[in-house]
Amino acid sequence: MTKVMVNGVARDMTVKEQAEYDARQTEYQNNLPSLKLKQIKEIRLQKLMESDYLALSDVVLSDSWKDKRQSWRDIPQNFTTEEQYDLLLARDSDGKLTHTIWEKP
């Protein structure tokens, strides 16, 4: 049984509380891939916004930047499993994303 704190006292959950807790945990686990993809899309959008100035009409965008921006846009099609999402979201000890797709050219 899972413990719960009530008024500073730890106790075992009731059968009903445990069933509700287990259902929430299952729902969370089932939704985890979509939550990870949402986070990846937010990072991708940030990377694209950070490099938008390079795509202005009066700037010649290098082929390496064109390819990099396209690779960011293609992430949802090219990375489709939860294991791949975990790789995209992996960070080093400084909190920086480690997958090579996030590197600037």
PDB file of N, CA and C in Angstrom:
ATOM      1  N   MET A   1       0.829  -1.188   0.000  1.00  0.00           N
ATOM      2  CA  MET A   1       0.000   0.000   0.000  1.00  0.00           C
ATOM      3  C   MET A   1       0.875   1.255   0.000  1.00  0.00           C
ATOM      4  N   THR A   2       0.356   2.281  -0.613  1.00  0.00           N
ATOM      5  CA  THR A   2       1.036   3.561  -0.674  1.00  0.00           C
ATOM      6  C   THR A   2       0.695   4.366   0.578  1.00  0.00           C
ATOM      7  N   LYS A   3       1.683   5.078   1.075  1.00  0.00           N
ATOM      8  CA  LYS A   3       1.467   5.919   2.253  1.00  0.00           C
ATOM      9  C   LYS A   3       0.944   7.284   1.813  1.00  0.00           C
ATOM     10  N   VAL A   4       0.163   7.894   2.693  1.00  0.00           N
ATOM     11  CA  VAL A   4      -0.351   9.238   2.474  1.00  0.00           C
ATOM     12  C   VAL A   4      -0.220   9.998   3.787  1.00  0.00           C
ATOM     13  N   MET A   5       0.053  11.299   3.683  1.00  0.00           N
ATOM     14  CA  MET A   5       0.164  12.129   4.888  1.00  0.00           C
ATOM     15  C   MET A   5      -1.157  12.857   5.109  1.00  0.00           C
ATOM     16  N   VAL A   6      -1.708  12.709   6.289  1.00  0.00           N
ATOM     17  CA  VAL A   6      -2.939  13.407   6.661  1.00  0.00           C
ATOM     18  C   VAL A   6      -2.700  14.069   8.007  1.00  0.00           C
ATOM     19  N   ASN A   7      -2.779  15.396   8.015  1.00  0.00           N
ATOM     20  CA  ASN A   7      -2.545  16.163   9.246  1.00  0.00           C
ATOM     21  C   ASN A   7      -1.226  15.793   9.903  1.00  0.00           C
ATOM     22  N   GLY A   8      -0.198  15.601   9.080  1.00  0.00           N
ATOM     23  CA  GLY A   8       1.134  15.303   9.588  1.00  0.00           C
ATOM     24  C   GLY A   8       1.344  13.870  10.020  1.00  0.00           C
ATOM     25  N   VAL A   9       0.362  13.003   9.779  1.00  0.00           N
ATOM     26  CA  VAL A   9       0.469  11.604  10.182  1.00  0.00           C
ATOM     27  C   VAL A   9       0.452  10.737   8.921  1.00  0.00           C
ATOM     28  N   ALA A  10       1.439   9.854   8.801  1.00  0.00           N
ATOM     29  CA  ALA A  10       1.494   8.954   7.650  1.00  0.00           C
ATOM     30  C   ALA A  10       0.617   7.739   7.923  1.00  0.00           C
ATOM     31  N   ARG A  11      -0.146   7.368   6.876  1.00  0.00           N
ATOM     32  CA  ARG A  11      -0.978   6.175   6.989  1.00  0.00           C
ATOM     33  C   ARG A  11      -1.067   5.523   5.622  1.00  0.00           C
ATOM     34  N   ASP A  12      -1.486   4.262   5.610  1.00  0.00           N
ATOM     35  CA  ASP A  12      -1.719   3.576   4.344  1.00  0.00           C
ATOM     36  C   ASP A  12      -2.978   4.140   3.696  1.00  0.00           C
ATOM     37  N   MET A  13      -2.953   4.210   2.359  1.00  0.00           N
ATOM     38  CA  MET A  13      -4.151   4.629   1.640  1.00  0.00           C
ATOM     39  C   MET A  13      -5.244   3.582   1.809  1.00  0.00           C
ATOM     40  N   THR A  14      -6.477   4.064   1.770  1.00  0.00           N
ATOM     41  CA  THR A  14      -7.591   3.124   1.767  1.00  0.00           C
ATOM     42  C   THR A  14      -7.604   2.418   0.413  1.00  0.00           C
ATOM     43  N   VAL A  15      -8.391   1.374   0.297  1.00  0.00           N
ATOM     44  CA  VAL A  15      -8.494   0.642  -0.969  1.00  0.00           C
ATOM     45  C   VAL A  15      -8.969   1.586  -2.078  1.00  0.00           C
ATOM     46  N   LYS A  16      -9.951   2.434  -1.761  1.00  0.00           N
ATOM     47  CA  LYS A  16     -10.468   3.397  -2.752  1.00  0.00           C
ATOM     48  C   LYS A  16      -9.391   4.408  -3.144  1.00  0.00           C
ATOM     49  N   GLU A  17      -8.683   4.959  -2.156  1.00  0.00           N
ATOM     50  CA  GLU A  17      -7.615   5.914  -2.443  1.00  0.00           C
ATOM     51  C   GLU A  17      -6.521   5.272  -3.297  1.00  0.00           C
ATOM     52  N   GLN A  18      -6.179   4.036  -2.968  1.00  0.00           N
ATOM     53  CA  GLN A  18      -5.138   3.335  -3.720  1.00  0.00           C
ATOM     54  C   GLN A  18      -5.581   3.108  -5.155  1.00  0.00           C
ATOM     55  N   ALA A  19      -6.842   2.747  -5.361  1.00  0.00           N
ATOM     56  CA  ALA A  19      -7.361   2.532  -6.717  1.00  0.00           C
ATOM     57  C   ALA A  19      -7.317   3.824  -7.527  1.00  0.00           C
ATOM     58  N   GLU A  20      -7.696   4.943  -6.916  1.00  0.00           N
ATOM     59  CA  GLU A  20      -7.658   6.242  -7.596  1.00  0.00           C
ATOM     60  C   GLU A  20      -6.212   6.632  -7.912  1.00  0.00           C
ATOM     61  N   TYR A  21      -5.322   6.419  -6.955  1.00  0.00           N
ATOM     62  CA  TYR A  21      -3.907   6.718  -7.143  1.00  0.00           C
ATOM     63  C   TYR A  21      -3.340   5.887  -8.295  1.00  0.00           C
ATOM     64  N   ASP A  22      -3.631   4.595  -8.294  1.00  0.00           N
ATOM     65  CA  ASP A  22      -3.140   3.711  -9.353  1.00  0.00           C
ATOM     66  C   ASP A  22      -3.690   4.124 -10.718  1.00  0.00           C
ATOM     67  N   ALA A  23      -4.949   4.529 -10.765  1.00  0.00           N
ATOM     68  CA  ALA A  23      -5.554   4.969 -12.028  1.00  0.00           C
ATOM     69  C   ALA A  23      -4.872   6.233 -12.545  1.00  0.00           C
ATOM     70  N   ARG A  24      -4.566   7.169 -11.648  1.00  0.00           N
ATOM     71  CA  ARG A  24      -3.855   8.394 -12.055  1.00  0.00           C
ATOM     72  C   ARG A  24      -2.455   8.078 -12.561  1.00  0.00           C
ATOM     73  N   GLN A  25      -1.774   7.159 -11.880  1.00  0.00           N
ATOM     74  CA  GLN A  25      -0.430   6.768 -12.307  1.00  0.00           C
ATOM     75  C   GLN A  25      -0.462   6.118 -13.686  1.00  0.00           C
ATOM     76  N   THR A  26      -1.436   5.259 -13.910  1.00  0.00           N
ATOM     77  CA  THR A  26      -1.579   4.595 -15.204  1.00  0.00           C
ATOM     78  C   THR A  26      -1.878   5.608 -16.297  1.00  0.00           C
ATOM     79  N   GLU A  27      -2.782   6.549 -16.004  1.00  0.00           N
ATOM     80  CA  GLU A  27      -3.113   7.589 -16.984  1.00  0.00           C
ATOM     81  C   GLU A  27      -1.883   8.427 -17.312  1.00  0.00           C
ATOM     82  N   TYR A  28      -1.110   8.780 -16.285  1.00  0.00           N
ATOM     83  CA  TYR A  28       0.107   9.556 -16.505  1.00  0.00           C
ATOM     84  C   TYR A  28       1.085   8.784 -17.387  1.00  0.00           C
ATOM     85  N   GLN A  29       1.302   7.514 -17.082  1.00  0.00           N
ATOM     86  CA  GLN A  29       2.227   6.698 -17.872  1.00  0.00           C
ATOM     87  C   GLN A  29       1.760   6.566 -19.315  1.00  0.00           C
ATOM     88  N   ASN A  30       0.447   6.442 -19.511  1.00  0.00           N
ATOM     89  CA  ASN A  30      -0.098   6.335 -20.864  1.00  0.00           C
ATOM     90  C   ASN A  30       0.054   7.633 -21.645  1.00  0.00           C
ATOM     91  N   ASN A  31       0.032   8.768 -20.942  1.00  0.00           N
ATOM     92  CA  ASN A  31       0.148  10.071 -21.599  1.00  0.00           C
ATOM     93  C   ASN A  31       1.584  10.567 -21.681  1.00  0.00           C
ATOM     94  N   LEU A  32       2.511   9.861 -21.061  1.00  0.00           N
ATOM     95  CA  LEU A  32       3.898  10.314 -21.008  1.00  0.00           C
ATOM     96  C   LEU A  32       4.509  10.547 -22.390  1.00  0.00           C
ATOM     97  N   PRO A  33       4.319   9.652 -23.364  1.00  0.00           N
ATOM     98  CA  PRO A  33       4.892   9.940 -24.687  1.00  0.00           C
ATOM     99  C   PRO A  33       4.393  11.252 -25.286  1.00  0.00           C
ATOM    100  N   SER A  34       3.114  11.547 -25.145  1.00  0.00           N
ATOM    101  CA  SER A  34       2.598  12.794 -25.715  1.00  0.00           C
ATOM    102  C   SER A  34       3.115  14.008 -24.947  1.00  0.00           C
ATOM    103  N   LEU A  35       3.336  13.863 -23.643  1.00  0.00           N
ATOM    104  CA  LEU A  35       3.913  14.960 -22.863  1.00  0.00           C
ATOM    105  C   LEU A  35       5.365  15.219 -23.283  1.00  0.00           C
ATOM    106  N   LYS A  36       6.099  14.134 -23.536  1.00  0.00           N
ATOM    107  CA  LYS A  36       7.486  14.282 -23.987  1.00  0.00           C
ATOM    108  C   LYS A  36       7.527  14.937 -25.366  1.00  0.00           C
ATOM    109  N   LEU A  37       6.642  14.506 -26.267  1.00  0.00           N
ATOM    110  CA  LEU A  37       6.614  15.103 -27.604  1.00  0.00           C
ATOM    111  C   LEU A  37       6.263  16.582 -27.517  1.00  0.00           C
ATOM    112  N   LYS A  38       5.354  16.938 -26.635  1.00  0.00           N
ATOM    113  CA  LYS A  38       5.006  18.346 -26.452  1.00  0.00           C
ATOM    114  C   LYS A  38       6.234  19.148 -26.018  1.00  0.00           C
ATOM    115  N   GLN A  39       7.003  18.593 -25.093  1.00  0.00           N
ATOM    116  CA  GLN A  39       8.211  19.274 -24.624  1.00  0.00           C
ATOM    117  C   GLN A  39       9.227  19.408 -25.761  1.00  0.00           C
ATOM    118  N   ILE A  40       9.368  18.360 -26.559  1.00  0.00           N
ATOM    119  CA  ILE A  40      10.292  18.393 -27.694  1.00  0.00           C
ATOM    120  C   ILE A  40       9.860  19.463 -28.689  1.00  0.00           C
ATOM    121  N   LYS A  41       8.581  19.554 -28.959  1.00  0.00           N
ATOM    122  CA  LYS A  41       8.078  20.566 -29.898  1.00  0.00           C
ATOM    123  C   LYS A  41       8.315  21.973 -29.367  1.00  0.00           C
ATOM    124  N   GLU A  42       8.229  22.159 -28.055  1.00  0.00           N
ATOM    125  CA  GLU A  42       8.507  23.471 -27.473  1.00  0.00           C
ATOM    126  C   GLU A  42       9.983  23.833 -27.640  1.00  0.00           C
ATOM    127  N   ILE A  43      10.863  22.872 -27.425  1.00  0.00           N
ATOM    128  CA  ILE A  43      12.302  23.120 -27.618  1.00  0.00           C
ATOM    129  C   ILE A  43      12.573  23.430 -29.085  1.00  0.00           C
ATOM    130  N   ARG A  44      11.971  22.634 -29.969  1.00  0.00           N
ATOM    131  CA  ARG A  44      12.147  22.844 -31.408  1.00  0.00           C
ATOM    132  C   ARG A  44      11.690  24.244 -31.809  1.00  0.00           C
ATOM    133  N   LEU A  45      10.527  24.672 -31.323  1.00  0.00           N
ATOM    134  CA  LEU A  45      10.016  26.002 -31.644  1.00  0.00           C
ATOM    135  C   LEU A  45      10.987  27.075 -31.161  1.00  0.00           C
ATOM    136  N   GLN A  46      11.525  26.888 -29.961  1.00  0.00           N
ATOM    137  CA  GLN A  46      12.487  27.856 -29.428  1.00  0.00           C
ATOM    138  C   GLN A  46      13.730  27.940 -30.321  1.00  0.00           C
ATOM    139  N   LYS A  47      14.231  26.784 -30.753  1.00  0.00           N
ATOM    140  CA  LYS A  47      15.411  26.768 -31.628  1.00  0.00           C
ATOM    141  C   LYS A  47      15.104  27.467 -32.951  1.00  0.00           C
ATOM    142  N   LEU A  48      13.928  27.216 -33.512  1.00  0.00           N
ATOM    143  CA  LEU A  48      13.555  27.860 -34.767  1.00  0.00           C
ATOM    144  C   LEU A  48      13.416  29.374 -34.585  1.00  0.00           C
ATOM    145  N   MET A  49      12.800  29.777 -33.478  1.00  0.00           N
ATOM    146  CA  MET A  49      12.641  31.217 -33.227  1.00  0.00           C
ATOM    147  C   MET A  49      13.999  31.893 -33.029  1.00  0.00           C
ATOM    148  N   GLU A  50      14.916  31.197 -32.349  1.00  0.00           N
ATOM    149  CA  GLU A  50      16.249  31.765 -32.124  1.00  0.00           C
ATOM    150  C   GLU A  50      17.011  31.957 -33.437  1.00  0.00           C
ATOM    151  N   SER A  51      16.682  31.177 -34.449  1.00  0.00           N
ATOM    152  CA  SER A  51      17.403  31.281 -35.721  1.00  0.00           C
ATOM    153  C   SER A  51      16.568  31.936 -36.823  1.00  0.00           C
ATOM    154  N   ASP A  52      15.395  32.444 -36.496  1.00  0.00           N
ATOM    155  CA  ASP A  52      14.546  33.098 -37.506  1.00  0.00           C
ATOM    156  C   ASP A  52      15.235  34.286 -38.166  1.00  0.00           C
ATOM    157  N   TYR A  53      16.061  34.982 -37.421  1.00  0.00           N
ATOM    158  CA  TYR A  53      16.718  36.152 -37.990  1.00  0.00           C
ATOM    159  C   TYR A  53      17.589  35.766 -39.186  1.00  0.00           C
ATOM    160  N   LEU A  54      18.013  34.528 -39.227  1.00  0.00           N
ATOM    161  CA  LEU A  54      18.840  34.055 -40.344  1.00  0.00           C
ATOM    162  C   LEU A  54      18.025  33.814 -41.604  1.00  0.00           C
ATOM    163  N   ALA A  55      16.712  33.708 -41.455  1.00  0.00           N
ATOM    164  CA  ALA A  55      15.849  33.383 -42.590  1.00  0.00           C
ATOM    165  C   ALA A  55      15.104  34.606 -43.126  1.00  0.00           C
ATOM    166  N   LEU A  56      15.547  35.788 -42.759  1.00  0.00           N
ATOM    167  CA  LEU A  56      14.910  37.006 -43.265  1.00  0.00           C
ATOM    168  C   LEU A  56      15.214  37.168 -44.750  1.00  0.00           C
ATOM    169  N   SER A  57      14.368  37.916 -45.428  1.00  0.00           N
ATOM    170  CA  SER A  57      14.501  38.052 -46.878  1.00  0.00           C
ATOM    171  C   SER A  57      15.800  38.736 -47.302  1.00  0.00           C
ATOM    172  N   ASP A  58      16.389  39.550 -46.437  1.00  0.00           N
ATOM    173  CA  ASP A  58      17.626  40.242 -46.821  1.00  0.00           C
ATOM    174  C   ASP A  58      18.881  39.508 -46.344  1.00  0.00           C
ATOM    175  N   VAL A  59      18.718  38.277 -45.868  1.00  0.00           N
ATOM    176  CA  VAL A  59      19.847  37.471 -45.402  1.00  0.00           C
ATOM    177  C   VAL A  59      19.908  36.205 -46.240  1.00  0.00           C
ATOM    178  N   VAL A  60      21.111  35.873 -46.692  1.00  0.00           N
ATOM    179  CA  VAL A  60      21.287  34.625 -47.431  1.00  0.00           C
ATOM    180  C   VAL A  60      21.545  33.513 -46.415  1.00  0.00           C
ATOM    181  N   LEU A  61      20.620  32.573 -46.359  1.00  0.00           N
ATOM    182  CA  LEU A  61      20.713  31.485 -45.410  1.00  0.00           C
ATOM    183  C   LEU A  61      21.646  30.410 -45.960  1.00  0.00           C
ATOM    184  N   SER A  62      22.644  30.034 -45.184  1.00  0.00           N
ATOM    185  CA  SER A  62      23.588  29.012 -45.632  1.00  0.00           C
ATOM    186  C   SER A  62      22.890  27.663 -45.735  1.00  0.00           C
ATOM    187  N   ASP A  63      23.449  26.783 -46.543  1.00  0.00           N
ATOM    188  CA  ASP A  63      22.870  25.456 -46.702  1.00  0.00           C
ATOM    189  C   ASP A  63      22.865  24.689 -45.378  1.00  0.00           C
ATOM    190  N   SER A  64      23.910  24.872 -44.569  1.00  0.00           N
ATOM    191  CA  SER A  64      23.961  24.153 -43.292  1.00  0.00           C
ATOM    192  C   SER A  64      22.828  24.617 -42.367  1.00  0.00           C
ATOM    193  N   TRP A  65      22.526  25.913 -42.378  1.00  0.00           N
ATOM    194  CA  TRP A  65      21.415  26.406 -41.566  1.00  0.00           C
ATOM    195  C   TRP A  65      20.078  25.955 -42.146  1.00  0.00           C
ATOM    196  N   LYS A  66      19.950  25.948 -43.452  1.00  0.00           N
ATOM    197  CA  LYS A  66      18.714  25.440 -44.076  1.00  0.00           C
ATOM    198  C   LYS A  66      18.482  23.992 -43.661  1.00  0.00           C
ATOM    199  N   ASP A  67      19.530  23.185 -43.727  1.00  0.00           N
ATOM    200  CA  ASP A  67      19.423  21.770 -43.361  1.00  0.00           C
ATOM    201  C   ASP A  67      19.090  21.606 -41.881  1.00  0.00           C
ATOM    202  N   LYS A  68      19.738  22.405 -41.038  1.00  0.00           N
ATOM    203  CA  LYS A  68      19.497  22.310 -39.595  1.00  0.00           C
ATOM    204  C   LYS A  68      18.057  22.680 -39.256  1.00  0.00           C
ATOM    205  N   ARG A  69      17.580  23.788 -39.814  1.00  0.00           N
ATOM    206  CA  ARG A  69      16.198  24.211 -39.549  1.00  0.00           C
ATOM    207  C   ARG A  69      15.203  23.179 -40.069  1.00  0.00           C
ATOM    208  N   GLN A  70      15.501  22.575 -41.210  1.00  0.00           N
ATOM    209  CA  GLN A  70      14.621  21.543 -41.742  1.00  0.00           C
ATOM    210  C   GLN A  70      14.632  20.312 -40.835  1.00  0.00           C
ATOM    211  N   SER A  71      15.803  19.965 -40.311  1.00  0.00           N
ATOM    212  CA  SER A  71      15.873  18.800 -39.415  1.00  0.00           C
ATOM    213  C   SER A  71      15.047  19.043 -38.154  1.00  0.00           C
ATOM    214  N   TRP A  72      15.032  20.283 -37.660  1.00  0.00           N
ATOM    215  CA  TRP A  72      14.201  20.599 -36.493  1.00  0.00           C
ATOM    216  C   TRP A  72      12.720  20.464 -36.844  1.00  0.00           C
ATOM    217  N   ARG A  73      12.340  20.952 -38.023  1.00  0.00           N
ATOM    218  CA  ARG A  73      10.937  20.845 -38.422  1.00  0.00           C
ATOM    219  C   ARG A  73      10.515  19.391 -38.631  1.00  0.00           C
ATOM    220  N   ASP A  74      11.459  18.535 -39.015  1.00  0.00           N
ATOM    221  CA  ASP A  74      11.151  17.129 -39.296  1.00  0.00           C
ATOM    222  C   ASP A  74      11.166  16.223 -38.065  1.00  0.00           C
ATOM    223  N   ILE A  75      11.469  16.758 -36.921  1.00  0.00           N
ATOM    224  CA  ILE A  75      11.576  15.929 -35.710  1.00  0.00           C
ATOM    225  C   ILE A  75      10.338  15.060 -35.477  1.00  0.00           C
ATOM    226  N   PRO A  76       9.117  15.600 -35.542  1.00  0.00           N
ATOM    227  CA  PRO A  76       7.961  14.734 -35.259  1.00  0.00           C
ATOM    228  C   PRO A  76       7.825  13.552 -36.215  1.00  0.00           C
ATOM    229  N   GLN A  77       8.286  13.695 -37.442  1.00  0.00           N
ATOM    230  CA  GLN A  77       8.203  12.600 -38.404  1.00  0.00           C
ATOM    231  C   GLN A  77       9.364  11.616 -38.238  1.00  0.00           C
ATOM    232  N   ASN A  78      10.515  12.108 -37.843  1.00  0.00           N
ATOM    233  CA  ASN A  78      11.712  11.272 -37.783  1.00  0.00           C
ATOM    234  C   ASN A  78      11.945  10.608 -36.425  1.00  0.00           C
ATOM    235  N   PHE A  79      11.315  11.113 -35.390  1.00  0.00           N
ATOM    236  CA  PHE A  79      11.461  10.565 -34.041  1.00  0.00           C
ATOM    237  C   PHE A  79      10.059  10.249 -33.531  1.00  0.00           C
ATOM    238  N   THR A  80       9.750   8.962 -33.413  1.00  0.00           N
ATOM    239  CA  THR A  80       8.361   8.592 -33.138  1.00  0.00           C
ATOM    240  C   THR A  80       8.171   7.687 -31.926  1.00  0.00           C
ATOM    241  N   THR A  81       9.253   7.255 -31.300  1.00  0.00           N
ATOM    242  CA  THR A  81       9.103   6.361 -30.154  1.00  0.00           C
ATOM    243  C   THR A  81       9.489   7.072 -28.867  1.00  0.00           C
ATOM    244  N   GLU A  82       9.012   6.535 -27.764  1.00  0.00           N
ATOM    245  CA  GLU A  82       9.341   7.136 -26.480  1.00  0.00           C
ATOM    246  C   GLU A  82      10.837   7.064 -26.200  1.00  0.00           C
ATOM    247  N   GLU A  83      11.502   6.002 -26.647  1.00  0.00           N
ATOM    248  CA  GLU A  83      12.949   5.879 -26.467  1.00  0.00           C
ATOM    249  C   GLU A  83      13.666   7.006 -27.227  1.00  0.00           C
ATOM    250  N   GLN A  84      13.193   7.298 -28.437  1.00  0.00           N
ATOM    251  CA  GLN A  84      13.793   8.392 -29.202  1.00  0.00           C
ATOM    252  C   GLN A  84      13.513   9.732 -28.530  1.00  0.00           C
ATOM    253  N   TYR A  85      12.322   9.890 -27.952  1.00  0.00           N
ATOM    254  CA  TYR A  85      12.001  11.126 -27.231  1.00  0.00           C
ATOM    255  C   TYR A  85      12.958  11.304 -26.062  1.00  0.00           C
ATOM    256  N   ASP A  86      13.246  10.203 -25.352  1.00  0.00           N
ATOM    257  CA  ASP A  86      14.168  10.282 -24.221  1.00  0.00           C
ATOM    258  C   ASP A  86      15.551  10.736 -24.676  1.00  0.00           C
ATOM    259  N   LEU A  87      16.000  10.242 -25.824  1.00  0.00           N
ATOM    260  CA  LEU A  87      17.295  10.666 -26.365  1.00  0.00           C
ATOM    261  C   LEU A  87      17.287  12.149 -26.702  1.00  0.00           C
ATOM    262  N   LEU A  88      16.200  12.629 -27.281  1.00  0.00           N
ATOM    263  CA  LEU A  88      16.105  14.048 -27.634  1.00  0.00           C
ATOM    264  C   LEU A  88      16.074  14.939 -26.398  1.00  0.00           C
ATOM    265  N   LEU A  89      15.530  14.438 -25.310  1.00  0.00           N
ATOM    266  CA  LEU A  89      15.395  15.233 -24.088  1.00  0.00           C
ATOM    267  C   LEU A  89      16.558  15.052 -23.115  1.00  0.00           C
ATOM    268  N   ALA A  90      17.508  14.176 -23.437  1.00  0.00           N
ATOM    269  CA  ALA A  90      18.636  13.913 -22.545  1.00  0.00           C
ATOM    270  C   ALA A  90      19.459  15.192 -22.351  1.00  0.00           C
ATOM    271  N   ARG A  91      19.918  15.370 -21.124  1.00  0.00           N
ATOM    272  CA  ARG A  91      20.719  16.557 -20.769  1.00  0.00           C
ATOM    273  C   ARG A  91      21.981  16.126 -20.037  1.00  0.00           C
ATOM    274  N   ASP A  92      22.994  16.975 -20.152  1.00  0.00           N
ATOM    275  CA  ASP A  92      24.236  16.700 -19.434  1.00  0.00           C
ATOM    276  C   ASP A  92      24.131  17.255 -18.014  1.00  0.00           C
ATOM    277  N   SER A  93      25.219  17.176 -17.271  1.00  0.00           N
ATOM    278  CA  SER A  93      25.201  17.616 -15.872  1.00  0.00           C
ATOM    279  C   SER A  93      24.963  19.114 -15.733  1.00  0.00           C
ATOM    280  N   ASP A  94      25.190  19.868 -16.812  1.00  0.00           N
ATOM    281  CA  ASP A  94      24.935  21.310 -16.799  1.00  0.00           C
ATOM    282  C   ASP A  94      23.522  21.653 -17.260  1.00  0.00           C
ATOM    283  N   GLY A  95      22.740  20.624 -17.602  1.00  0.00           N
ATOM    284  CA  GLY A  95      21.370  20.859 -18.044  1.00  0.00           C
ATOM    285  C   GLY A  95      21.228  21.148 -19.524  1.00  0.00           C
ATOM    286  N   LYS A  96      22.307  20.974 -20.281  1.00  0.00           N
ATOM    287  CA  LYS A  96      22.253  21.245 -21.723  1.00  0.00           C
ATOM    288  C   LYS A  96      21.823  19.992 -22.472  1.00  0.00           C
ATOM    289  N   LEU A  97      21.006  20.193 -23.496  1.00  0.00           N
ATOM    290  CA  LEU A  97      20.563  19.070 -24.321  1.00  0.00           C
ATOM    291  C   LEU A  97      21.767  18.434 -24.999  1.00  0.00           C
ATOM    292  N   THR A  98      21.804  17.104 -25.030  1.00  0.00           N
ATOM    293  CA  THR A  98      22.994  16.418 -25.539  1.00  0.00           C
ATOM    294  C   THR A  98      22.837  15.839 -26.937  1.00  0.00           C
ATOM    295  N   HIS A  99      21.612  15.693 -27.422  1.00  0.00           N
ATOM    296  CA  HIS A  99      21.429  15.093 -28.753  1.00  0.00           C
ATOM    297  C   HIS A  99      21.996  16.040 -29.806  1.00  0.00           C
ATOM    298  N   THR A 100      22.656  15.464 -30.803  1.00  0.00           N
ATOM    299  CA  THR A 100      23.315  16.273 -31.833  1.00  0.00           C
ATOM    300  C   THR A 100      22.339  17.087 -32.670  1.00  0.00           C
ATOM    301  N   ILE A 101      21.073  16.695 -32.715  1.00  0.00           N
ATOM    302  CA  ILE A 101      20.121  17.448 -33.532  1.00  0.00           C
ATOM    303  C   ILE A 101      19.951  18.872 -33.022  1.00  0.00           C
ATOM    304  N   TRP A 102      20.206  19.095 -31.744  1.00  0.00           N
ATOM    305  CA  TRP A 102      20.021  20.432 -31.170  1.00  0.00           C
ATOM    306  C   TRP A 102      21.217  21.353 -31.406  1.00  0.00           C
ATOM    307  N   GLU A 103      22.336  20.779 -31.867  1.00  0.00           N
ATOM    308  CA  GLU A 103      23.538  21.604 -32.075  1.00  0.00           C
ATOM    309  C   GLU A 103      23.331  22.545 -33.256  1.00  0.00           C
ATOM    310  N   LYS A 104      23.900  23.710 -33.130  1.00  0.00           N
ATOM    311  CA  LYS A 104      23.872  24.678 -34.242  1.00  0.00           C
ATOM    312  C   LYS A 104      24.957  24.305 -35.232  1.00  0.00           C
ATOM    313  N   PRO A 105      24.722  24.582 -36.504  1.00  0.00           N
ATOM    314  CA  PRO A 105      25.758  24.243 -37.516  1.00  0.00           C
ATOM    315  C   PRO A 105      27.002  25.103 -37.372  1.00  0.00           C
TER     316      PRO A 105
END
